[in-house]
C-alpha cells in the first residue's frame, strides 16, 4: 500500500498558515477518502524559523493534479522529484498564460470603452461585450423617445450579465481576505442597488447577497461587520436582511466572549423591530432557522434594554 503513496511537501510563512491550511483541506476533501490528520502532518522545523512545513501523503496517481492545484493556489511545493518540477512548471506556465489572456482582454475592453465614450453612444452588442452592468444600467435609464427599444433590450439582457458578474466573484480565491473584501465591495453594488430593485431583479439582489454572506462566514472575525450592515440594509431584499442576521447570530452565539465589540455595535445599530417585520411579511424560514432567528431577536432586545 505504501508504495502507491507519495508525500508532497510545502514550506509556508506563519502569516500564510490559515490560507494554506484551507487549500490543503479542499484538496484532501477532493482527492482523499481519509481524515485530515491521517494524511496531513504540519510541523515547525527548527532549521526554518517562522515557517510551517506541510506534509501531505497522497496516492501517486493524483500527485501531478494536486501539485498543479497547489501551484495555482500559490502554495509553493518542495521540488525534490523531477515529475514535481515538471508539474509546477506546467502549472506556472498555464497560470501565467491565463493571466496574460485576462490582461489582454482587459486592455482590449478598456480601449473599446474609451473609444465608445468619445463617440458617446453604445450599441446593445457593444454593451453586452463589455459586460459592464453599471454602464448598461446607465444607458437603460436614458429612455428618450429614440432610445426606448434599446433600453428595453438592455433590461432583458441585464440579468444574464449580472449573473455572470456574480459568478465571476464566486470563482475568485475568497479564502484570501483581501480578495474577499474586494469581492464583497463589488457584490454590495449589486445587492444594494435600488435601480435593480426597481427593475424587479430581486433574484439577482438575493444571489449577490447570499454570496456576500457566504464570503463573510469564511472570515467571520474580520468580516462580521458586513453581516451587521447587510442585516440592516434598507435597499437589499428582505430575505438577505434575515439571512445576514441569522449568519451573524450563529457566529457570535457560538463564541460570545470573543465578539463582545461586535455584539455591542450590533446592539446599537441593528433594527430588530424592522428585521422581525420583514421576516413576518415576506420571508420563510425552516423551523430550526426560525428558532435561531427568534433567539437572536430576543438576545439583542435584552442587550439593548441593558444599555
C-alpha atoms as a PDB file:
ATOM      1  CA  UNK A   1       0.000   0.000   0.000  1.00  0.00           C
ATOM      2  CA  UNK A   2       2.794   2.442   0.933  1.00  0.00           C
ATOM      3  CA  UNK A   3       4.439   2.084  -2.470  1.00  0.00           C
ATOM      4  CA  UNK A   4       1.335   3.633  -4.048  1.00  0.00           C
ATOM      5  CA  UNK A   5       1.667   6.746  -1.881  1.00  0.00           C
ATOM      6  CA  UNK A   6       3.875   9.811  -2.062  1.00  0.00           C
ATOM      7  CA  UNK A   7       4.390  12.757   0.281  1.00  0.00           C
ATOM      8  CA  UNK A   8       4.170  16.301  -1.061  1.00  0.00           C
ATOM      9  CA  UNK A   9       6.000  18.948   0.997  1.00  0.00           C
ATOM     10  CA  UNK A  10       5.290  22.673   1.262  1.00  0.00           C
ATOM     11  CA  UNK A  11       7.024  25.299   3.380  1.00  0.00           C
ATOM     12  CA  UNK A  12       4.949  28.393   4.165  1.00  0.00           C
ATOM     13  CA  UNK A  13       5.339  31.524   6.249  1.00  0.00           C
ATOM     14  CA  UNK A  14       3.422  31.706   9.518  1.00  0.00           C
ATOM     15  CA  UNK A  15       1.204  34.533   8.247  1.00  0.00           C
ATOM     16  CA  UNK A  16       0.085  32.281   5.367  1.00  0.00           C
ATOM     17  CA  UNK A  17      -0.797  29.353   7.636  1.00  0.00           C
ATOM     18  CA  UNK A  18      -4.609  29.720   7.665  1.00  0.00           C
ATOM     19  CA  UNK A  19      -4.969  30.249   3.907  1.00  0.00           C
ATOM     20  CA  UNK A  20      -2.609  27.353   3.181  1.00  0.00           C
ATOM     21  CA  UNK A  21      -4.478  25.047   5.543  1.00  0.00           C
ATOM     22  CA  UNK A  22      -7.758  25.852   3.774  1.00  0.00           C
ATOM     23  CA  UNK A  23      -6.147  24.994   0.419  1.00  0.00           C
ATOM     24  CA  UNK A  24      -4.921  21.638   1.747  1.00  0.00           C
ATOM     25  CA  UNK A  25      -8.296  20.882   3.331  1.00  0.00           C
ATOM     26  CA  UNK A  26     -10.041  21.396  -0.011  1.00  0.00           C
ATOM     27  CA  UNK A  27      -7.538  19.126  -1.766  1.00  0.00           C
ATOM     28  CA  UNK A  28      -7.930  16.416   0.870  1.00  0.00           C
ATOM     29  CA  UNK A  29     -11.706  16.607   0.560  1.00  0.00           C
ATOM     30  CA  UNK A  30     -11.427  16.283  -3.222  1.00  0.00           C
ATOM     31  CA  UNK A  31      -8.792  13.564  -3.523  1.00  0.00           C
ATOM     32  CA  UNK A  32      -8.553  11.608  -0.256  1.00  0.00           C
ATOM     33  CA  UNK A  33     -11.013   9.316   1.487  1.00  0.00           C
ATOM     34  CA  UNK A  34      -9.342   9.984   4.823  1.00  0.00           C
ATOM     35  CA  UNK A  35      -9.500  12.329   7.768  1.00  0.00           C
ATOM     36  CA  UNK A  36      -7.271  15.391   7.523  1.00  0.00           C
ATOM     37  CA  UNK A  37      -4.986  14.358  10.382  1.00  0.00           C
ATOM     38  CA  UNK A  38      -4.423  10.956   8.751  1.00  0.00           C
ATOM     39  CA  UNK A  39      -2.874  12.373   5.567  1.00  0.00           C
ATOM     40  CA  UNK A  40      -1.645  15.853   6.524  1.00  0.00           C
ATOM     41  CA  UNK A  41       1.141  16.497   9.025  1.00  0.00           C
ATOM     42  CA  UNK A  42       2.142  20.043   9.982  1.00  0.00           C
ATOM     43  CA  UNK A  43       5.337  20.910  11.811  1.00  0.00           C
ATOM     44  CA  UNK A  44       7.637  23.808  12.641  1.00  0.00           C
ATOM     45  CA  UNK A  45      11.173  22.727  11.703  1.00  0.00           C
ATOM     46  CA  UNK A  46      13.890  24.161  13.957  1.00  0.00           C
ATOM     47  CA  UNK A  47      16.066  24.891  10.940  1.00  0.00           C
ATOM     48  CA  UNK A  48      13.332  27.010   9.304  1.00  0.00           C
ATOM     49  CA  UNK A  49      12.219  29.661  11.841  1.00  0.00           C
ATOM     50  CA  UNK A  50       8.850  31.417  11.462  1.00  0.00           C
ATOM     51  CA  UNK A  51       7.642  28.889   8.907  1.00  0.00           C
ATOM     52  CA  UNK A  52       5.492  25.756   8.788  1.00  0.00           C
ATOM     53  CA  UNK A  53       6.142  22.511   6.959  1.00  0.00           C
ATOM     54  CA  UNK A  54       3.057  20.841   5.430  1.00  0.00           C
ATOM     55  CA  UNK A  55       3.485  17.165   4.516  1.00  0.00           C
ATOM     56  CA  UNK A  56       0.584  15.674   2.538  1.00  0.00           C
ATOM     57  CA  UNK A  57       0.591  11.923   1.828  1.00  0.00           C
ATOM     58  CA  UNK A  58      -1.439  11.138  -1.288  1.00  0.00           C
ATOM     59  CA  UNK A  59      -1.930   8.438  -3.943  1.00  0.00           C
ATOM     60  CA  UNK A  60       0.757   8.674  -6.631  1.00  0.00           C
ATOM     61  CA  UNK A  61      -1.812   8.807  -9.439  1.00  0.00           C
ATOM     62  CA  UNK A  62      -3.182  12.091  -8.038  1.00  0.00           C
ATOM     63  CA  UNK A  63       0.180  13.714  -7.356  1.00  0.00           C
ATOM     64  CA  UNK A  64       0.513  15.736 -10.572  1.00  0.00           C
ATOM     65  CA  UNK A  65      -3.010  17.177 -10.332  1.00  0.00           C
ATOM     66  CA  UNK A  66      -2.525  18.019  -6.654  1.00  0.00           C
ATOM     67  CA  UNK A  67       0.830  19.695  -7.267  1.00  0.00           C
ATOM     68  CA  UNK A  68      -0.792  21.759 -10.016  1.00  0.00           C
ATOM     69  CA  UNK A  69      -3.695  22.765  -7.771  1.00  0.00           C
ATOM     70  CA  UNK A  70      -1.272  23.834  -5.038  1.00  0.00           C
ATOM     71  CA  UNK A  71       0.691  25.876  -7.562  1.00  0.00           C
ATOM     72  CA  UNK A  72      -2.496  27.507  -8.913  1.00  0.00           C
ATOM     73  CA  UNK A  73      -3.334  28.463  -5.295  1.00  0.00           C
ATOM     74  CA  UNK A  74       0.163  29.998  -4.924  1.00  0.00           C
ATOM     75  CA  UNK A  75       1.290  27.381  -2.403  1.00  0.00           C
ATOM     76  CA  UNK A  76       4.933  26.584  -3.066  1.00  0.00           C
ATOM     77  CA  UNK A  77       5.902  22.912  -3.329  1.00  0.00           C
ATOM     78  CA  UNK A  78       9.319  21.454  -2.490  1.00  0.00           C
ATOM     79  CA  UNK A  79      10.592  20.208  -5.861  1.00  0.00           C
ATOM     80  CA  UNK A  80      12.653  17.140  -4.946  1.00  0.00           C
ATOM     81  CA  UNK A  81      11.112  14.854  -7.576  1.00  0.00           C
ATOM     82  CA  UNK A  82      11.539  15.502 -11.302  1.00  0.00           C
ATOM     83  CA  UNK A  83       7.822  14.993 -12.012  1.00  0.00           C
ATOM     84  CA  UNK A  84       7.011  17.606  -9.346  1.00  0.00           C
ATOM     85  CA  UNK A  85       9.342  20.098 -11.049  1.00  0.00           C
ATOM     86  CA  UNK A  86       7.575  19.433 -14.351  1.00  0.00           C
ATOM     87  CA  UNK A  87       4.089  19.748 -12.806  1.00  0.00           C
ATOM     88  CA  UNK A  88       4.985  23.043 -11.089  1.00  0.00           C
ATOM     89  CA  UNK A  89       6.479  24.415 -14.304  1.00  0.00           C
ATOM     90  CA  UNK A  90       3.392  23.438 -16.322  1.00  0.00           C
ATOM     91  CA  UNK A  91       1.012  24.931 -13.746  1.00  0.00           C
ATOM     92  CA  UNK A  92       3.064  28.131 -13.544  1.00  0.00           C
ATOM     93  CA  UNK A  93       3.048  28.490 -17.340  1.00  0.00           C
ATOM     94  CA  UNK A  94      -0.697  27.809 -17.515  1.00  0.00           C
ATOM     95  CA  UNK A  95      -1.353  30.378 -14.792  1.00  0.00           C
ATOM     96  CA  UNK A  96       0.847  32.987 -16.473  1.00  0.00           C
ATOM     97  CA  UNK A  97      -0.852  32.309 -19.807  1.00  0.00           C
ATOM     98  CA  UNK A  98      -4.278  32.727 -18.201  1.00  0.00           C
ATOM     99  CA  UNK A  99      -3.186  35.990 -16.578  1.00  0.00           C
ATOM    100  CA  UNK A 100      -1.797  37.216 -19.912  1.00  0.00           C
ATOM    101  CA  UNK A 101      -5.064  36.389 -21.696  1.00  0.00           C
ATOM    102  CA  UNK A 102      -7.046  38.143 -18.967  1.00  0.00           C
ATOM    103  CA  UNK A 103      -4.830  41.206 -19.196  1.00  0.00           C
ATOM    104  CA  UNK A 104      -5.109  41.298 -22.986  1.00  0.00           C
ATOM    105  CA  UNK A 105      -8.904  41.081 -22.771  1.00  0.00           C
ATOM    106  CA  UNK A 106      -8.956  43.798 -20.108  1.00  0.00           C
ATOM    107  CA  UNK A 107      -6.772  46.083 -22.260  1.00  0.00           C
ATOM    108  CA  UNK A 108      -8.991  45.407 -25.275  1.00  0.00           C
ATOM    109  CA  UNK A 109     -12.110  46.221 -23.267  1.00  0.00           C
ATOM    110  CA  UNK A 110     -10.592  49.411 -21.866  1.00  0.00           C
ATOM    111  CA  UNK A 111      -9.578  50.537 -25.359  1.00  0.00           C
ATOM    112  CA  UNK A 112     -13.097  49.897 -26.609  1.00  0.00           C
ATOM    113  CA  UNK A 113     -14.639  51.694 -23.622  1.00  0.00           C
ATOM    114  CA  UNK A 114     -12.507  54.787 -24.247  1.00  0.00           C
ATOM    115  CA  UNK A 115     -13.407  54.733 -27.947  1.00  0.00           C
ATOM    116  CA  UNK A 116     -17.109  54.409 -27.195  1.00  0.00           C
ATOM    117  CA  UNK A 117     -17.058  57.122 -24.537  1.00  0.00           C
ATOM    118  CA  UNK A 118     -15.567  59.521 -27.094  1.00  0.00           C
ATOM    119  CA  UNK A 119     -18.297  58.537 -29.525  1.00  0.00           C
ATOM    120  CA  UNK A 120     -20.874  58.994 -26.782  1.00  0.00           C
ATOM    121  CA  UNK A 121     -23.037  56.072 -27.824  1.00  0.00           C
ATOM    122  CA  UNK A 122     -23.177  52.289 -27.484  1.00  0.00           C
ATOM    123  CA  UNK A 123     -24.898  49.538 -29.395  1.00  0.00           C
ATOM    124  CA  UNK A 124     -26.534  46.769 -27.381  1.00  0.00           C
ATOM    125  CA  UNK A 125     -23.954  44.267 -28.692  1.00  0.00           C
ATOM    126  CA  UNK A 126     -21.098  46.512 -27.565  1.00  0.00           C
ATOM    127  CA  UNK A 127     -22.591  46.817 -24.093  1.00  0.00           C
ATOM    128  CA  UNK A 128     -23.029  43.057 -23.803  1.00  0.00           C
ATOM    129  CA  UNK A 129     -19.436  42.502 -24.919  1.00  0.00           C
ATOM    130  CA  UNK A 130     -18.129  44.922 -22.294  1.00  0.00           C
ATOM    131  CA  UNK A 131     -20.191  43.153 -19.593  1.00  0.00           C
ATOM    132  CA  UNK A 132     -20.289  46.400 -17.645  1.00  0.00           C
ATOM    133  CA  UNK A 133     -23.650  46.150 -15.900  1.00  0.00           C
ATOM    134  CA  UNK A 134     -23.384  49.641 -14.404  1.00  0.00           C
ATOM    135  CA  UNK A 135     -22.864  51.144 -17.865  1.00  0.00           C
ATOM    136  CA  UNK A 136     -25.784  49.072 -19.190  1.00  0.00           C
ATOM    137  CA  UNK A 137     -27.945  50.409 -16.376  1.00  0.00           C
ATOM    138  CA  UNK A 138     -26.915  53.978 -17.168  1.00  0.00           C
ATOM    139  CA  UNK A 139     -27.856  53.557 -20.843  1.00  0.00           C
ATOM    140  CA  UNK A 140     -31.095  51.742 -19.997  1.00  0.00           C
ATOM    141  CA  UNK A 141     -32.185  54.631 -17.778  1.00  0.00           C
ATOM    142  CA  UNK A 142     -31.721  57.065 -20.661  1.00  0.00           C
ATOM    143  CA  UNK A 143     -35.203  56.379 -22.020  1.00  0.00           C
ATOM    144  CA  UNK A 144     -35.546  59.078 -24.660  1.00  0.00           C
ATOM    145  CA  UNK A 145     -38.059  58.650 -27.465  1.00  0.00           C
ATOM    146  CA  UNK A 146     -35.356  57.313 -29.822  1.00  0.00           C
ATOM    147  CA  UNK A 147     -33.876  55.024 -27.180  1.00  0.00           C
ATOM    148  CA  UNK A 148     -36.911  53.109 -25.888  1.00  0.00           C
ATOM    149  CA  UNK A 149     -36.208  49.889 -27.808  1.00  0.00           C
ATOM    150  CA  UNK A 150     -32.532  49.865 -26.808  1.00  0.00           C
ATOM    151  CA  UNK A 151     -33.496  50.443 -23.183  1.00  0.00           C
ATOM    152  CA  UNK A 152     -35.984  47.566 -23.302  1.00  0.00           C
ATOM    153  CA  UNK A 153     -33.412  45.222 -24.846  1.00  0.00           C
ATOM    154  CA  UNK A 154     -30.758  46.127 -22.266  1.00  0.00           C
ATOM    155  CA  UNK A 155     -33.177  45.425 -19.427  1.00  0.00           C
ATOM    156  CA  UNK A 156     -33.767  41.970 -20.916  1.00  0.00           C
ATOM    157  CA  UNK A 157     -30.025  41.260 -21.048  1.00  0.00           C
ATOM    158  CA  UNK A 158     -29.118  42.712 -17.639  1.00  0.00           C
ATOM    159  CA  UNK A 159     -29.934  39.560 -15.594  1.00  0.00           C
ATOM    160  CA  UNK A 160     -27.517  37.434 -17.627  1.00  0.00           C
ATOM    161  CA  UNK A 161     -24.696  39.985 -17.371  1.00  0.00           C
ATOM    162  CA  UNK A 162     -25.290  40.459 -13.643  1.00  0.00           C
ATOM    163  CA  UNK A 163     -25.395  36.704 -13.015  1.00  0.00           C
ATOM    164  CA  UNK A 164     -22.061  36.370 -14.806  1.00  0.00           C
ATOM    165  CA  UNK A 165     -20.607  39.215 -12.726  1.00  0.00           C
ATOM    166  CA  UNK A 166     -21.687  37.456  -9.523  1.00  0.00           C
ATOM    167  CA  UNK A 167     -20.360  34.110 -10.748  1.00  0.00           C
ATOM    168  CA  UNK A 168     -17.007  35.732 -11.551  1.00  0.00           C
ATOM    169  CA  UNK A 169     -16.698  36.790  -7.915  1.00  0.00           C
ATOM    170  CA  UNK A 170     -17.513  33.284  -6.646  1.00  0.00           C
ATOM    171  CA  UNK A 171     -14.662  31.885  -8.766  1.00  0.00           C
ATOM    172  CA  UNK A 172     -12.047  34.089  -7.113  1.00  0.00           C
ATOM    173  CA  UNK A 173      -9.845  32.903  -4.248  1.00  0.00           C
ATOM    174  CA  UNK A 174     -12.197  34.057  -1.499  1.00  0.00           C
ATOM    175  CA  UNK A 175     -10.025  32.361   1.122  1.00  0.00           C
ATOM    176  CA  UNK A 176      -7.715  35.318   0.627  1.00  0.00           C
ATOM    177  CA  UNK A 177      -9.006  38.091   2.907  1.00  0.00           C
ATOM    178  CA  UNK A 178      -8.018  40.965   0.594  1.00  0.00           C
ATOM    179  CA  UNK A 179      -9.750  39.315  -2.360  1.00  0.00           C
ATOM    180  CA  UNK A 180     -12.788  38.563  -0.184  1.00  0.00           C
ATOM    181  CA  UNK A 181     -13.048  42.234   0.813  1.00  0.00           C
ATOM    182  CA  UNK A 182     -12.762  43.338  -2.823  1.00  0.00           C
ATOM    183  CA  UNK A 183     -15.466  40.866  -3.905  1.00  0.00           C
ATOM    184  CA  UNK A 184     -17.830  41.985  -1.162  1.00  0.00           C
ATOM    185  CA  UNK A 185     -17.365  45.602  -2.235  1.00  0.00           C
ATOM    186  CA  UNK A 186     -18.302  44.695  -5.829  1.00  0.00           C
ATOM    187  CA  UNK A 187     -21.212  42.488  -4.805  1.00  0.00           C
ATOM    188  CA  UNK A 188     -22.664  45.148  -2.489  1.00  0.00           C
ATOM    189  CA  UNK A 189     -23.019  47.416  -5.528  1.00  0.00           C
ATOM    190  CA  UNK A 190     -25.433  44.804  -6.865  1.00  0.00           C
ATOM    191  CA  UNK A 191     -27.098  43.646  -3.651  1.00  0.00           C
ATOM    192  CA  UNK A 192     -27.936  47.212  -2.602  1.00  0.00           C
ATOM    193  CA  UNK A 193     -28.772  48.711  -5.989  1.00  0.00           C
ATOM    194  CA  UNK A 194     -32.120  50.478  -5.792  1.00  0.00           C
ATOM    195  CA  UNK A 195     -32.490  50.709  -9.573  1.00  0.00           C
ATOM    196  CA  UNK A 196     -32.109  46.942  -9.954  1.00  0.00           C
ATOM    197  CA  UNK A 197     -34.701  46.583  -7.230  1.00  0.00           C
ATOM    198  CA  UNK A 198     -36.995  48.944  -9.140  1.00  0.00           C
ATOM    199  CA  UNK A 199     -36.468  46.806 -12.250  1.00  0.00           C
ATOM    200  CA  UNK A 200     -37.719  43.827 -10.148  1.00  0.00           C
ATOM    201  CA  UNK A 201     -34.402  41.958 -10.443  1.00  0.00           C
ATOM    202  CA  UNK A 202     -34.905  40.668  -6.906  1.00  0.00           C
ATOM    203  CA  UNK A 203     -33.388  37.258  -7.655  1.00  0.00           C
ATOM    204  CA  UNK A 204     -30.143  38.960  -8.679  1.00  0.00           C
ATOM    205  CA  UNK A 205     -30.036  41.053  -5.495  1.00  0.00           C
ATOM    206  CA  UNK A 206     -30.693  37.913  -3.473  1.00  0.00           C
ATOM    207  CA  UNK A 207     -27.955  35.951  -5.248  1.00  0.00           C
ATOM    208  CA  UNK A 208     -25.383  38.711  -4.692  1.00  0.00           C
ATOM    209  CA  UNK A 209     -26.380  38.968  -1.033  1.00  0.00           C
ATOM    210  CA  UNK A 210     -26.055  35.234  -0.490  1.00  0.00           C
ATOM    211  CA  UNK A 211     -22.515  35.233  -1.897  1.00  0.00           C
ATOM    212  CA  UNK A 212     -21.613  38.117   0.414  1.00  0.00           C
ATOM    213  CA  UNK A 213     -22.951  36.195   3.417  1.00  0.00           C
ATOM    214  CA  UNK A 214     -21.063  33.025   2.462  1.00  0.00           C
ATOM    215  CA  UNK A 215     -17.858  35.037   1.980  1.00  0.00           C
ATOM    216  CA  UNK A 216     -18.229  36.755   5.352  1.00  0.00           C
ATOM    217  CA  UNK A 217     -18.654  33.372   7.033  1.00  0.00           C
ATOM    218  CA  UNK A 218     -15.293  32.310   5.584  1.00  0.00           C
ATOM    219  CA  UNK A 219     -13.652  35.163   7.558  1.00  0.00           C
ATOM    220  CA  UNK A 220     -16.020  35.673  10.498  1.00  0.00           C
ATOM    221  CA  UNK A 221     -13.750  37.692  12.752  1.00  0.00           C
ATOM    222  CA  UNK A 222     -12.590  40.066  10.016  1.00  0.00           C
ATOM    223  CA  UNK A 223     -15.825  40.474   8.008  1.00  0.00           C
ATOM    224  CA  UNK A 224     -18.606  40.065  10.549  1.00  0.00           C
ATOM    225  CA  UNK A 225     -19.303  43.813  10.435  1.00  0.00           C
ATOM    226  CA  UNK A 226     -20.500  43.354   6.853  1.00  0.00           C
ATOM    227  CA  UNK A 227     -23.162  40.943   8.123  1.00  0.00           C
ATOM    228  CA  UNK A 228     -24.400  43.580  10.573  1.00  0.00           C
ATOM    229  CA  UNK A 229     -24.521  46.127   7.734  1.00  0.00           C
ATOM    230  CA  UNK A 230     -26.369  43.777   5.375  1.00  0.00           C
ATOM    231  CA  UNK A 231     -28.860  42.725   8.050  1.00  0.00           C
ATOM    232  CA  UNK A 232     -29.783  46.388   8.492  1.00  0.00           C
ATOM    233  CA  UNK A 233     -29.727  47.426   4.833  1.00  0.00           C
ATOM    234  CA  UNK A 234     -32.880  49.173   3.592  1.00  0.00           C
ATOM    235  CA  UNK A 235     -32.123  48.667  -0.092  1.00  0.00           C
ATOM    236  CA  UNK A 236     -31.431  44.951  -0.383  1.00  0.00           C
ATOM    237  CA  UNK A 237     -34.172  42.294  -0.388  1.00  0.00           C
ATOM    238  CA  UNK A 238     -35.786  41.218   2.921  1.00  0.00           C
ATOM    239  CA  UNK A 239     -34.580  37.611   2.713  1.00  0.00           C
ATOM    240  CA  UNK A 240     -30.977  38.848   2.692  1.00  0.00           C
ATOM    241  CA  UNK A 241     -31.607  41.037   5.746  1.00  0.00           C
ATOM    242  CA  UNK A 242     -32.866  37.969   7.590  1.00  0.00           C
ATOM    243  CA  UNK A 243     -30.172  35.580   6.314  1.00  0.00           C
ATOM    244  CA  UNK A 244     -27.398  38.039   7.167  1.00  0.00           C
ATOM    245  CA  UNK A 245     -28.800  38.381  10.676  1.00  0.00           C
ATOM    246  CA  UNK A 246     -29.028  34.596  11.032  1.00  0.00           C
ATOM    247  CA  UNK A 247     -25.415  34.149   9.878  1.00  0.00           C
ATOM    248  CA  UNK A 248     -24.255  36.903  12.238  1.00  0.00           C
ATOM    249  CA  UNK A 249     -26.082  35.495  15.246  1.00  0.00           C
ATOM    250  CA  UNK A 250     -24.844  31.947  14.574  1.00  0.00           C
ATOM    251  CA  UNK A 251     -21.246  33.207  14.599  1.00  0.00           C
ATOM    252  CA  UNK A 252     -21.460  35.343  17.732  1.00  0.00           C
ATOM    253  CA  UNK A 253     -23.621  32.957  19.753  1.00  0.00           C
ATOM    254  CA  UNK A 254     -21.011  30.227  19.341  1.00  0.00           C
ATOM    255  CA  UNK A 255     -18.272  32.427  20.845  1.00  0.00           C
ATOM    256  CA  UNK A 256     -19.819  35.395  22.653  1.00  0.00           C
ATOM    257  CA  UNK A 257     -16.723  36.370  24.657  1.00  0.00           C
ATOM    258  CA  UNK A 258     -14.629  36.901  21.519  1.00  0.00           C
ATOM    259  CA  UNK A 259     -17.287  39.027  19.839  1.00  0.00           C
ATOM    260  CA  UNK A 260     -18.201  41.494  22.590  1.00  0.00           C
ATOM    261  CA  UNK A 261     -17.284  44.557  20.489  1.00  0.00           C
ATOM    262  CA  UNK A 262     -19.285  43.322  17.512  1.00  0.00           C
ATOM    263  CA  UNK A 263     -22.245  42.488  19.777  1.00  0.00           C
ATOM    264  CA  UNK A 264     -22.150  45.997  21.247  1.00  0.00           C
ATOM    265  CA  UNK A 265     -22.042  47.514  17.749  1.00  0.00           C
ATOM    266  CA  UNK A 266     -24.965  45.347  16.613  1.00  0.00           C
ATOM    267  CA  UNK A 267     -26.958  46.156  19.758  1.00  0.00           C
ATOM    268  CA  UNK A 268     -26.692  49.863  18.954  1.00  0.00           C
ATOM    269  CA  UNK A 269     -27.057  49.551  15.182  1.00  0.00           C
ATOM    270  CA  UNK A 270     -29.407  46.663  14.339  1.00  0.00           C
ATOM    271  CA  UNK A 271     -33.089  47.447  13.900  1.00  0.00           C
ATOM    272  CA  UNK A 272     -34.527  44.217  15.324  1.00  0.00           C
ATOM    273  CA  UNK A 273     -38.085  45.509  15.021  1.00  0.00           C
ATOM    274  CA  UNK A 274     -37.645  46.054  11.275  1.00  0.00           C
ATOM    275  CA  UNK A 275     -35.993  42.637  10.927  1.00  0.00           C
ATOM    276  CA  UNK A 276     -38.905  40.975  12.667  1.00  0.00           C
ATOM    277  CA  UNK A 277     -41.361  42.891  10.489  1.00  0.00           C
ATOM    278  CA  UNK A 278     -39.727  41.914   7.171  1.00  0.00           C
ATOM    279  CA  UNK A 279     -39.497  38.317   8.372  1.00  0.00           C
ATOM    280  CA  UNK A 280     -43.212  38.179   9.208  1.00  0.00           C
ATOM    281  CA  UNK A 281     -44.161  39.938   5.961  1.00  0.00           C
ATOM    282  CA  UNK A 282     -42.099  38.156   3.357  1.00  0.00           C
ATOM    283  CA  UNK A 283     -39.512  35.601   4.491  1.00  0.00           C
ATOM    284  CA  UNK A 284     -39.960  31.889   5.042  1.00  0.00           C
ATOM    285  CA  UNK A 285     -37.599  30.026   7.334  1.00  0.00           C
ATOM    286  CA  UNK A 286     -37.211  26.365   8.216  1.00  0.00           C
ATOM    287  CA  UNK A 287     -38.297  25.582  11.801  1.00  0.00           C
ATOM    288  CA  UNK A 288     -34.713  25.325  13.083  1.00  0.00           C
ATOM    289  CA  UNK A 289     -33.780  28.648  11.417  1.00  0.00           C
ATOM    290  CA  UNK A 290     -36.904  30.288  12.837  1.00  0.00           C
ATOM    291  CA  UNK A 291     -35.864  29.147  16.311  1.00  0.00           C
ATOM    292  CA  UNK A 292     -32.388  30.687  15.863  1.00  0.00           C
ATOM    293  CA  UNK A 293     -33.893  33.870  14.411  1.00  0.00           C
ATOM    294  CA  UNK A 294     -36.269  34.313  17.356  1.00  0.00           C
ATOM    295  CA  UNK A 295     -33.441  33.617  19.791  1.00  0.00           C
ATOM    296  CA  UNK A 296     -31.296  36.255  18.104  1.00  0.00           C
ATOM    297  CA  UNK A 297     -34.028  38.892  18.155  1.00  0.00           C
ATOM    298  CA  UNK A 298     -34.651  38.230  21.852  1.00  0.00           C
ATOM    299  CA  UNK A 299     -30.899  38.288  22.576  1.00  0.00           C
ATOM    300  CA  UNK A 300     -30.485  41.784  21.140  1.00  0.00           C
ATOM    301  CA  UNK A 301     -33.686  43.094  22.740  1.00  0.00           C
ATOM    302  CA  UNK A 302     -32.306  42.152  26.148  1.00  0.00           C
ATOM    303  CA  UNK A 303     -28.901  43.606  25.296  1.00  0.00           C
ATOM    304  CA  UNK A 304     -30.496  46.880  24.224  1.00  0.00           C
ATOM    305  CA  UNK A 305     -32.581  47.050  27.384  1.00  0.00           C
ATOM    306  CA  UNK A 306     -29.406  46.621  29.424  1.00  0.00           C
ATOM    307  CA  UNK A 307     -27.599  49.566  27.772  1.00  0.00           C
END
